[in-house]
Amino acid sequence: MKARLFLILIFIALLVVLLTNGSSDLIPPRGTLVFDKKITLNTELIISLIILFTLLGIFSIGVIERLFFSRKKEKQKDE
């Protein structure tokens, strides 16, 4: 339940960022080259990237927890 709450809050934050669409400039836009293409990093994109990495981190922690820690609980229930 706790993980779902975090994911819902992160999703709402992402929607707020996308809906504001340039109305606030917390971070000045910067140009960056990625694979020989110029990308302008503005506030919305940076916040979206932070949210993406947070979601990936939560997902990887959940997978690691399920792989390594759920087996011990199943063995204890069998005894």
PDB file of N, CA and C in Angstrom:
ATOM      1  N   MET A   1       0.822  -1.188   0.000  1.00  0.00           N
ATOM      2  CA  MET A   1       0.000   0.000   0.000  1.00  0.00           C
ATOM      3  C   MET A   1       0.867   1.254   0.000  1.00  0.00           C
ATOM      4  N   LYS A   2       1.945   1.197   0.752  1.00  0.00           N
ATOM      5  CA  LYS A   2       2.831   2.343   0.849  1.00  0.00           C
ATOM      6  C   LYS A   2       3.480   2.658  -0.499  1.00  0.00           C
ATOM      7  N   ALA A   3       3.892   1.623  -1.216  1.00  0.00           N
ATOM      8  CA  ALA A   3       4.525   1.827  -2.512  1.00  0.00           C
ATOM      9  C   ALA A   3       3.543   2.425  -3.508  1.00  0.00           C
ATOM     10  N   ARG A   4       2.290   1.992  -3.460  1.00  0.00           N
ATOM     11  CA  ARG A   4       1.278   2.555  -4.361  1.00  0.00           C
ATOM     12  C   ARG A   4       1.062   4.031  -4.078  1.00  0.00           C
ATOM     13  N   LEU A   5       1.061   4.409  -2.814  1.00  0.00           N
ATOM     14  CA  LEU A   5       0.894   5.809  -2.448  1.00  0.00           C
ATOM     15  C   LEU A   5       2.044   6.644  -2.998  1.00  0.00           C
ATOM     16  N   PHE A   6       3.278   6.146  -2.855  1.00  0.00           N
ATOM     17  CA  PHE A   6       4.424   6.858  -3.403  1.00  0.00           C
ATOM     18  C   PHE A   6       4.313   7.013  -4.911  1.00  0.00           C
ATOM     19  N   LEU A   7       3.931   5.962  -5.600  1.00  0.00           N
ATOM     20  CA  LEU A   7       3.810   6.024  -7.050  1.00  0.00           C
ATOM     21  C   LEU A   7       2.718   6.990  -7.479  1.00  0.00           C
ATOM     22  N   ILE A   8       1.600   7.011  -6.766  1.00  0.00           N
ATOM     23  CA  ILE A   8       0.523   7.946  -7.100  1.00  0.00           C
ATOM     24  C   ILE A   8       0.974   9.379  -6.882  1.00  0.00           C
ATOM     25  N   LEU A   9       1.669   9.648  -5.787  1.00  0.00           N
ATOM     26  CA  LEU A   9       2.157  10.999  -5.523  1.00  0.00           C
ATOM     27  C   LEU A   9       3.186  11.440  -6.566  1.00  0.00           C
ATOM     28  N   ILE A  10       4.059  10.540  -6.977  1.00  0.00           N
ATOM     29  CA  ILE A  10       5.043  10.859  -8.000  1.00  0.00           C
ATOM     30  C   ILE A  10       4.350  11.132  -9.331  1.00  0.00           C
ATOM     31  N   PHE A  11       3.329  10.337  -9.662  1.00  0.00           N
ATOM     32  CA  PHE A  11       2.591  10.541 -10.897  1.00  0.00           C
ATOM     33  C   PHE A  11       1.877  11.887 -10.892  1.00  0.00           C
ATOM     34  N   ILE A  12       1.293  12.271  -9.764  1.00  0.00           N
ATOM     35  CA  ILE A  12       0.622  13.569  -9.651  1.00  0.00           C
ATOM     36  C   ILE A  12       1.631  14.699  -9.806  1.00  0.00           C
ATOM     37  N   ALA A  13       2.815  14.550  -9.219  1.00  0.00           N
ATOM     38  CA  ALA A  13       3.854  15.563  -9.370  1.00  0.00           C
ATOM     39  C   ALA A  13       4.273  15.699 -10.827  1.00  0.00           C
ATOM     40  N   LEU A  14       4.384  14.587 -11.524  1.00  0.00           N
ATOM     41  CA  LEU A  14       4.733  14.621 -12.943  1.00  0.00           C
ATOM     42  C   LEU A  14       3.658  15.330 -13.755  1.00  0.00           C
ATOM     43  N   LEU A  15       2.395  15.067 -13.460  1.00  0.00           N
ATOM     44  CA  LEU A  15       1.314  15.743 -14.173  1.00  0.00           C
ATOM     45  C   LEU A  15       1.325  17.248 -13.934  1.00  0.00           C
ATOM     46  N   VAL A  16       1.590  17.651 -12.699  1.00  0.00           N
ATOM     47  CA  VAL A  16       1.657  19.078 -12.394  1.00  0.00           C
ATOM     48  C   VAL A  16       2.786  19.738 -13.179  1.00  0.00           C
ATOM     49  N   VAL A  17       3.914  19.072 -13.260  1.00  0.00           N
ATOM     50  CA  VAL A  17       5.046  19.619 -14.007  1.00  0.00           C
ATOM     51  C   VAL A  17       4.703  19.763 -15.481  1.00  0.00           C
ATOM     52  N   LEU A  18       4.076  18.737 -16.054  1.00  0.00           N
ATOM     53  CA  LEU A  18       3.755  18.792 -17.469  1.00  0.00           C
ATOM     54  C   LEU A  18       2.653  19.795 -17.774  1.00  0.00           C
ATOM     55  N   LEU A  19       1.715  19.994 -16.870  1.00  0.00           N
ATOM     56  CA  LEU A  19       0.627  20.922 -17.107  1.00  0.00           C
ATOM     57  C   LEU A  19       1.054  22.383 -16.963  1.00  0.00           C
ATOM     58  N   THR A  20       2.058  22.663 -16.143  1.00  0.00           N
ATOM     59  CA  THR A  20       2.518  24.046 -16.018  1.00  0.00           C
ATOM     60  C   THR A  20       3.247  24.494 -17.282  1.00  0.00           C
ATOM     61  N   ASN A  21       3.970  23.612 -17.939  1.00  0.00           N
ATOM     62  CA  ASN A  21       4.574  23.813 -19.251  1.00  0.00           C
ATOM     63  C   ASN A  21       5.214  25.184 -19.457  1.00  0.00           C
ATOM     64  N   GLY A  22       6.249  25.455 -18.714  1.00  0.00           N
ATOM     65  CA  GLY A  22       7.036  26.655 -18.953  1.00  0.00           C
ATOM     66  C   GLY A  22       6.577  27.889 -18.210  1.00  0.00           C
ATOM     67  N   SER A  23       5.599  27.775 -17.335  1.00  0.00           N
ATOM     68  CA  SER A  23       5.122  28.960 -16.631  1.00  0.00           C
ATOM     69  C   SER A  23       6.073  29.375 -15.507  1.00  0.00           C
ATOM     70  N   SER A  24       6.903  28.465 -15.034  1.00  0.00           N
ATOM     71  CA  SER A  24       7.883  28.815 -14.007  1.00  0.00           C
ATOM     72  C   SER A  24       9.256  28.304 -14.430  1.00  0.00           C
ATOM     73  N   ASP A  25      10.231  29.159 -14.287  1.00  0.00           N
ATOM     74  CA  ASP A  25      11.602  28.788 -14.634  1.00  0.00           C
ATOM     75  C   ASP A  25      12.447  28.752 -13.370  1.00  0.00           C
ATOM     76  N   LEU A  26      12.474  27.591 -12.733  1.00  0.00           N
ATOM     77  CA  LEU A  26      13.302  27.434 -11.546  1.00  0.00           C
ATOM     78  C   LEU A  26      14.765  27.267 -11.922  1.00  0.00           C
ATOM     79  N   ILE A  27      14.996  26.592 -13.030  1.00  0.00           N
ATOM     80  CA  ILE A  27      16.344  26.330 -13.517  1.00  0.00           C
ATOM     81  C   ILE A  27      16.448  26.928 -14.916  1.00  0.00           C
ATOM     82  N   PRO A  28      17.449  27.754 -15.159  1.00  0.00           N
ATOM     83  CA  PRO A  28      17.557  28.327 -16.512  1.00  0.00           C
ATOM     84  C   PRO A  28      17.824  27.236 -17.555  1.00  0.00           C
ATOM     85  N   PRO A  29      17.236  27.368 -18.750  1.00  0.00           N
ATOM     86  CA  PRO A  29      17.428  26.350 -19.791  1.00  0.00           C
ATOM     87  C   PRO A  29      18.893  26.230 -20.211  1.00  0.00           C
ATOM     88  N   ARG A  30      19.323  25.000 -20.449  1.00  0.00           N
ATOM     89  CA  ARG A  30      20.697  24.727 -20.872  1.00  0.00           C
ATOM     90  C   ARG A  30      20.662  23.848 -22.109  1.00  0.00           C
ATOM     91  N   GLY A  31      21.588  24.070 -22.994  1.00  0.00           N
ATOM     92  CA  GLY A  31      21.719  23.216 -24.166  1.00  0.00           C
ATOM     93  C   GLY A  31      22.739  22.117 -23.902  1.00  0.00           C
ATOM     94  N   THR A  32      22.410  20.895 -24.278  1.00  0.00           N
ATOM     95  CA  THR A  32      23.287  19.750 -24.064  1.00  0.00           C
ATOM     96  C   THR A  32      23.304  18.893 -25.316  1.00  0.00           C
ATOM     97  N   LEU A  33      24.466  18.327 -25.620  1.00  0.00           N
ATOM     98  CA  LEU A  33      24.576  17.415 -26.749  1.00  0.00           C
ATOM     99  C   LEU A  33      24.472  15.977 -26.264  1.00  0.00           C
ATOM    100  N   VAL A  34      23.504  15.229 -26.817  1.00  0.00           N
ATOM    101  CA  VAL A  34      23.322  13.819 -26.498  1.00  0.00           C
ATOM    102  C   VAL A  34      23.223  13.078 -27.821  1.00  0.00           C
ATOM    103  N   PHE A  35      24.181  12.195 -28.070  1.00  0.00           N
ATOM    104  CA  PHE A  35      24.230  11.438 -29.330  1.00  0.00           C
ATOM    105  C   PHE A  35      24.194  12.374 -30.540  1.00  0.00           C
ATOM    106  N   ASP A  36      24.982  13.429 -30.493  1.00  0.00           N
ATOM    107  CA  ASP A  36      25.108  14.426 -31.563  1.00  0.00           C
ATOM    108  C   ASP A  36      23.806  15.162 -31.858  1.00  0.00           C
ATOM    109  N   LYS A  37      22.924  15.257 -30.894  1.00  0.00           N
ATOM    110  CA  LYS A  37      21.702  16.043 -31.021  1.00  0.00           C
ATOM    111  C   LYS A  37      21.647  17.035 -29.879  1.00  0.00           C
ATOM    112  N   LYS A  38      21.251  18.250 -30.187  1.00  0.00           N
ATOM    113  CA  LYS A  38      21.172  19.272 -29.152  1.00  0.00           C
ATOM    114  C   LYS A  38      19.820  19.193 -28.453  1.00  0.00           C
ATOM    115  N   ILE A  39      19.853  19.053 -27.124  1.00  0.00           N
ATOM    116  CA  ILE A  39      18.649  18.986 -26.308  1.00  0.00           C
ATOM    117  C   ILE A  39      18.682  20.141 -25.320  1.00  0.00           C
ATOM    118  N   THR A  40      17.562  20.850 -25.226  1.00  0.00           N
ATOM    119  CA  THR A  40      17.456  21.940 -24.271  1.00  0.00           C
ATOM    120  C   THR A  40      16.836  21.406 -22.989  1.00  0.00           C
ATOM    121  N   LEU A  41      17.611  21.458 -21.919  1.00  0.00           N
ATOM    122  CA  LEU A  41      17.124  20.999 -20.613  1.00  0.00           C
ATOM    123  C   LEU A  41      16.484  22.176 -19.886  1.00  0.00           C
ATOM    124  N   ASN A  42      15.164  22.125 -19.734  1.00  0.00           N
ATOM    125  CA  ASN A  42      14.478  23.150 -18.969  1.00  0.00           C
ATOM    126  C   ASN A  42      13.971  22.552 -17.657  1.00  0.00           C
ATOM    127  N   THR A  43      13.250  23.341 -16.895  1.00  0.00           N
ATOM    128  CA  THR A  43      12.794  22.907 -15.577  1.00  0.00           C
ATOM    129  C   THR A  43      11.910  21.668 -15.655  1.00  0.00           C
ATOM    130  N   GLU A  44      10.974  21.649 -16.592  1.00  0.00           N
ATOM    131  CA  GLU A  44      10.047  20.527 -16.696  1.00  0.00           C
ATOM    132  C   GLU A  44      10.770  19.233 -17.023  1.00  0.00           C
ATOM    133  N   LEU A  45      11.721  19.296 -17.932  1.00  0.00           N
ATOM    134  CA  LEU A  45      12.450  18.094 -18.327  1.00  0.00           C
ATOM    135  C   LEU A  45      13.322  17.574 -17.188  1.00  0.00           C
ATOM    136  N   ILE A  46      13.958  18.466 -16.467  1.00  0.00           N
ATOM    137  CA  ILE A  46      14.814  18.045 -15.359  1.00  0.00           C
ATOM    138  C   ILE A  46      13.980  17.397 -14.250  1.00  0.00           C
ATOM    139  N   ILE A  47      12.830  17.989 -13.916  1.00  0.00           N
ATOM    140  CA  ILE A  47      11.969  17.403 -12.888  1.00  0.00           C
ATOM    141  C   ILE A  47      11.418  16.065 -13.363  1.00  0.00           C
ATOM    142  N   SER A  48      11.069  15.967 -14.637  1.00  0.00           N
ATOM    143  CA  SER A  48      10.587  14.693 -15.174  1.00  0.00           C
ATOM    144  C   SER A  48      11.663  13.621 -15.115  1.00  0.00           C
ATOM    145  N   LEU A  49      12.912  13.984 -15.382  1.00  0.00           N
ATOM    146  CA  LEU A  49      14.010  13.019 -15.291  1.00  0.00           C
ATOM    147  C   LEU A  49      14.237  12.565 -13.850  1.00  0.00           C
ATOM    148  N   ILE A  50      14.125  13.484 -12.906  1.00  0.00           N
ATOM    149  CA  ILE A  50      14.256  13.116 -11.496  1.00  0.00           C
ATOM    150  C   ILE A  50      13.165  12.130 -11.108  1.00  0.00           C
ATOM    151  N   ILE A  51      11.940  12.395 -11.555  1.00  0.00           N
ATOM    152  CA  ILE A  51      10.825  11.495 -11.250  1.00  0.00           C
ATOM    153  C   ILE A  51      11.036  10.142 -11.909  1.00  0.00           C
ATOM    154  N   LEU A  52      11.527  10.130 -13.150  1.00  0.00           N
ATOM    155  CA  LEU A  52      11.785   8.865 -13.840  1.00  0.00           C
ATOM    156  C   LEU A  52      12.811   8.028 -13.095  1.00  0.00           C
ATOM    157  N   PHE A  53      13.907   8.642 -12.663  1.00  0.00           N
ATOM    158  CA  PHE A  53      14.922   7.895 -11.931  1.00  0.00           C
ATOM    159  C   PHE A  53      14.403   7.427 -10.573  1.00  0.00           C
ATOM    160  N   THR A  54      13.526   8.206  -9.940  1.00  0.00           N
ATOM    161  CA  THR A  54      12.921   7.778  -8.686  1.00  0.00           C
ATOM    162  C   THR A  54      12.033   6.555  -8.898  1.00  0.00           C
ATOM    163  N   LEU A  55      11.216   6.579  -9.963  1.00  0.00           N
ATOM    164  CA  LEU A  55      10.368   5.427 -10.269  1.00  0.00           C
ATOM    165  C   LEU A  55      11.193   4.187 -10.580  1.00  0.00           C
ATOM    166  N   LEU A  56      12.269   4.351 -11.348  1.00  0.00           N
ATOM    167  CA  LEU A  56      13.134   3.219 -11.650  1.00  0.00           C
ATOM    168  C   LEU A  56      13.802   2.678 -10.389  1.00  0.00           C
ATOM    169  N   GLY A  57      14.176   3.560  -9.482  1.00  0.00           N
ATOM    170  CA  GLY A  57      14.774   3.135  -8.220  1.00  0.00           C
ATOM    171  C   GLY A  57      13.793   2.362  -7.362  1.00  0.00           C
ATOM    172  N   ILE A  58      12.551   2.856  -7.267  1.00  0.00           N
ATOM    173  CA  ILE A  58      11.529   2.148  -6.496  1.00  0.00           C
ATOM    174  C   ILE A  58      11.249   0.781  -7.107  1.00  0.00           C
ATOM    175  N   PHE A  59      11.174   0.726  -8.432  1.00  0.00           N
ATOM    176  CA  PHE A  59      10.930  -0.536  -9.119  1.00  0.00           C
ATOM    177  C   PHE A  59      12.061  -1.529  -8.858  1.00  0.00           C
ATOM    178  N   SER A  60      13.317  -1.063  -8.961  1.00  0.00           N
ATOM    179  CA  SER A  60      14.444  -1.978  -8.751  1.00  0.00           C
ATOM    180  C   SER A  60      14.519  -2.440  -7.298  1.00  0.00           C
ATOM    181  N   ILE A  61      14.210  -1.580  -6.348  1.00  0.00           N
ATOM    182  CA  ILE A  61      14.191  -1.984  -4.947  1.00  0.00           C
ATOM    183  C   ILE A  61      13.101  -3.024  -4.709  1.00  0.00           C
ATOM    184  N   GLY A  62      11.933  -2.843  -5.339  1.00  0.00           N
ATOM    185  CA  GLY A  62      10.854  -3.815  -5.214  1.00  0.00           C
ATOM    186  C   GLY A  62      11.233  -5.163  -5.792  1.00  0.00           C
ATOM    187  N   VAL A  63      11.917  -5.161  -6.943  1.00  0.00           N
ATOM    188  CA  VAL A  63      12.341  -6.426  -7.552  1.00  0.00           C
ATOM    189  C   VAL A  63      13.381  -7.116  -6.690  1.00  0.00           C
ATOM    190  N   ILE A  64      14.336  -6.368  -6.171  1.00  0.00           N
ATOM    191  CA  ILE A  64      15.367  -6.947  -5.309  1.00  0.00           C
ATOM    192  C   ILE A  64      14.741  -7.506  -4.034  1.00  0.00           C
ATOM    193  N   GLU A  65      13.795  -6.769  -3.459  1.00  0.00           N
ATOM    194  CA  GLU A  65      13.136  -7.247  -2.238  1.00  0.00           C
ATOM    195  C   GLU A  65      12.359  -8.531  -2.508  1.00  0.00           C
ATOM    196  N   ARG A  66      11.664  -8.588  -3.619  1.00  0.00           N
ATOM    197  CA  ARG A  66      10.885  -9.784  -3.936  1.00  0.00           C
ATOM    198  C   ARG A  66      11.790 -10.981  -4.206  1.00  0.00           C
ATOM    199  N   LEU A  67      12.929 -10.748  -4.865  1.00  0.00           N
ATOM    200  CA  LEU A  67      13.828 -11.859  -5.192  1.00  0.00           C
ATOM    201  C   LEU A  67      14.531 -12.431  -3.971  1.00  0.00           C
ATOM    202  N   PHE A  68      15.002 -11.569  -3.082  1.00  0.00           N
ATOM    203  CA  PHE A  68      15.852 -12.032  -1.994  1.00  0.00           C
ATOM    204  C   PHE A  68      15.139 -12.210  -0.661  1.00  0.00           C
ATOM    205  N   PHE A  69      14.103 -11.433  -0.393  1.00  0.00           N
ATOM    206  CA  PHE A  69      13.521 -11.459   0.937  1.00  0.00           C
ATOM    207  C   PHE A  69      12.190 -12.187   1.018  1.00  0.00           C
ATOM    208  N   SER A  70      11.528 -12.435  -0.082  1.00  0.00           N
ATOM    209  CA  SER A  70      10.239 -13.119  -0.011  1.00  0.00           C
ATOM    210  C   SER A  70      10.413 -14.628   0.218  1.00  0.00           C
ATOM    211  N   ARG A  71      11.529 -15.196  -0.164  1.00  0.00           N
ATOM    212  CA  ARG A  71      11.759 -16.627   0.030  1.00  0.00           C
ATOM    213  C   ARG A  71      11.881 -16.981   1.505  1.00  0.00           C
ATOM    214  N   LYS A  72      12.480 -16.108   2.284  1.00  0.00           N
ATOM    215  CA  LYS A  72      12.627 -16.369   3.713  1.00  0.00           C
ATOM    216  C   LYS A  72      11.266 -16.389   4.403  1.00  0.00           C
ATOM    217  N   LYS A  73      10.365 -15.513   4.007  1.00  0.00           N
ATOM    218  CA  LYS A  73       9.038 -15.485   4.616  1.00  0.00           C
ATOM    219  C   LYS A  73       8.247 -16.727   4.239  1.00  0.00           C
ATOM    220  N   GLU A  74       8.393 -17.197   3.004  1.00  0.00           N
ATOM    221  CA  GLU A  74       7.685 -18.403   2.590  1.00  0.00           C
ATOM    222  C   GLU A  74       8.171 -19.631   3.352  1.00  0.00           C
ATOM    223  N   LYS A  75       9.478 -19.716   3.614  1.00  0.00           N
ATOM    224  CA  LYS A  75      10.015 -20.844   4.379  1.00  0.00           C
ATOM    225  C   LYS A  75       9.524 -20.821   5.818  1.00  0.00           C
ATOM    226  N   GLN A  76       9.417 -19.626   6.396  1.00  0.00           N
ATOM    227  CA  GLN A  76       8.942 -19.526   7.775  1.00  0.00           C
ATOM    228  C   GLN A  76       7.465 -19.910   7.872  1.00  0.00           C
ATOM    229  N   LYS A  77       6.665 -19.624   6.865  1.00  0.00           N
ATOM    230  CA  LYS A  77       5.251 -19.971   6.893  1.00  0.00           C
ATOM    231  C   LYS A  77       5.057 -21.471   6.777  1.00  0.00           C
ATOM    232  N   ASP A  78       5.940 -22.176   6.066  1.00  0.00           N
ATOM    233  CA  ASP A  78       5.825 -23.607   5.878  1.00  0.00           C
ATOM    234  C   ASP A  78       6.091 -24.370   7.180  1.00  0.00           C
ATOM    235  N   GLU A  79       6.919 -23.853   8.025  1.00  0.00           N
ATOM    236  CA  GLU A  79       7.314 -24.564   9.258  1.00  0.00           C
ATOM    237  C   GLU A  79       6.271 -24.526  10.275  1.00  0.00           C
TER     238      GLU A  79
END
